[in-house]
Amino acid sequence: MTMPEFIPSTDLRLEHAPLSTANIHDISRFAITFNADEVGKEAWTLNLDSDFSTLSLVELRCILYVEQRRWNHYHRAYTPEVEAKLREIVERIRGLL
């Protein structure tokens, strides 16, 4: 599987973001279009317990990216709770575009 190209948050458009109802594989591939260099150290403290309604597009993408990388590292499928949160983040991202 080839890695998708980075999409800078400033260039992100609605057509780049999958629907929140999309296959979780599509959401995972979207997550890795984020370039982690876009955020400072403070963003790495954000997590799935953060209040998504107060976060910026870059912060939301950072959480999505970190979770995708975490679960990929352990070679495990997302739990239903994590998958629901990832879908919520994607929905929020789409709402910001």
Protein backbone atom coordinates (compact mmCIF):
# COMPACT_ATOMS: atom_id res chain seq x y z
CA MET A 1 0.00 0.00 0.00
CA THR A 2 1.39 3.39 -0.93
CA MET A 3 1.18 6.26 1.51
CA PRO A 4 -1.14 9.08 0.48
CA GLU A 5 0.46 12.46 -0.12
CA PHE A 6 0.40 15.09 2.59
CA ILE A 7 -2.32 17.69 2.27
CA PRO A 8 -1.45 20.90 4.11
CA SER A 9 -4.35 22.06 6.27
CA THR A 10 -4.37 25.36 4.38
CA ASP A 11 -5.06 23.40 1.17
CA LEU A 12 -7.56 20.94 2.64
CA ARG A 13 -10.94 20.97 0.90
CA LEU A 14 -14.20 19.19 1.63
CA GLU A 15 -13.61 16.73 -1.20
CA HIS A 16 -10.42 15.53 0.54
CA ALA A 17 -12.19 14.53 3.76
CA PRO A 18 -14.19 11.30 3.81
CA LEU A 19 -17.70 11.23 5.18
CA SER A 20 -17.93 10.22 8.81
CA THR A 21 -19.86 7.15 7.61
CA ALA A 22 -17.05 6.08 5.27
CA ASN A 23 -15.15 2.84 5.62
CA ILE A 24 -12.73 3.15 8.56
CA HIS A 25 -9.87 2.32 6.16
CA ASP A 26 -10.68 5.50 4.20
CA ILE A 27 -10.68 7.52 7.42
CA SER A 28 -7.32 6.03 8.38
CA ARG A 29 -5.83 6.90 4.99
CA PHE A 30 -7.15 10.44 5.34
CA ALA A 31 -5.54 10.68 8.79
CA ILE A 32 -2.08 10.13 7.37
CA THR A 33 -2.42 12.97 4.87
CA PHE A 34 -1.59 15.24 7.82
CA ASN A 35 1.96 16.54 8.14
CA ALA A 36 2.84 16.49 11.84
CA ASP A 37 5.20 19.43 11.29
CA GLU A 38 2.11 21.66 11.15
CA VAL A 39 1.70 21.64 14.93
CA GLY A 40 3.71 22.75 17.91
CA LYS A 41 4.46 20.72 21.02
CA GLU A 42 1.27 21.82 22.79
CA ALA A 43 -0.92 20.03 20.23
CA TRP A 44 0.59 16.67 21.16
CA THR A 45 -1.21 16.86 24.50
CA LEU A 46 -4.60 16.70 22.77
CA ASN A 47 -6.37 13.36 22.75
CA LEU A 48 -9.72 11.65 22.23
CA ASP A 49 -10.99 13.14 25.50
CA SER A 50 -10.48 16.70 24.24
CA ASP A 51 -13.47 18.94 23.52
CA PHE A 52 -13.54 18.72 19.73
CA SER A 53 -15.87 21.71 19.44
CA THR A 54 -13.12 24.06 20.66
CA LEU A 55 -10.30 22.74 18.48
CA SER A 56 -8.91 24.08 15.23
CA LEU A 57 -8.69 22.17 11.99
CA VAL A 58 -4.99 21.53 12.55
CA GLU A 59 -5.57 20.29 16.11
CA LEU A 60 -8.33 17.93 14.99
CA ARG A 61 -6.17 16.55 12.22
CA CYS A 62 -3.35 16.07 14.71
CA ILE A 63 -5.53 13.93 16.98
CA LEU A 64 -6.73 11.88 14.02
CA TYR A 65 -3.14 11.38 12.85
CA VAL A 66 -1.82 10.40 16.30
CA GLU A 67 -4.60 7.88 16.87
CA GLN A 68 -4.12 6.32 13.44
CA ARG A 69 -0.38 5.99 14.05
CA ARG A 70 -0.91 4.60 17.58
CA TRP A 71 -3.31 1.87 16.50
CA ASN A 72 -1.28 1.07 13.38
CA HIS A 73 1.82 0.65 15.56
CA TYR A 74 0.08 -1.99 17.66
CA HIS A 75 -1.35 -3.73 14.56
CA ARG A 76 -4.81 -3.77 16.08
CA ALA A 77 -8.23 -2.71 14.88
CA TYR A 78 -9.80 0.32 16.53
CA THR A 79 -12.12 -0.37 19.43
CA PRO A 80 -15.74 0.65 18.76
CA GLU A 81 -15.29 3.61 21.14
CA VAL A 82 -12.18 4.88 19.35
CA GLU A 83 -13.74 4.38 15.95
CA ALA A 84 -16.75 6.45 17.04
CA LYS A 85 -14.45 9.26 18.20
CA LEU A 86 -12.51 9.20 14.93
CA ARG A 87 -15.76 9.47 13.01
CA GLU A 88 -16.78 12.39 15.23
CA ILE A 89 -13.48 14.13 14.46
CA VAL A 90 -13.94 13.63 10.72
CA GLU A 91 -17.45 15.09 10.96
CA ARG A 92 -16.06 18.11 12.83
CA ILE A 93 -13.28 18.55 10.27
CA ARG A 94 -15.82 18.50 7.44
CA GLY A 95 -17.83 21.12 9.30
CA LEU A 96 -14.81 23.42 9.43
CA LEU A 97 -14.13 23.20 5.69
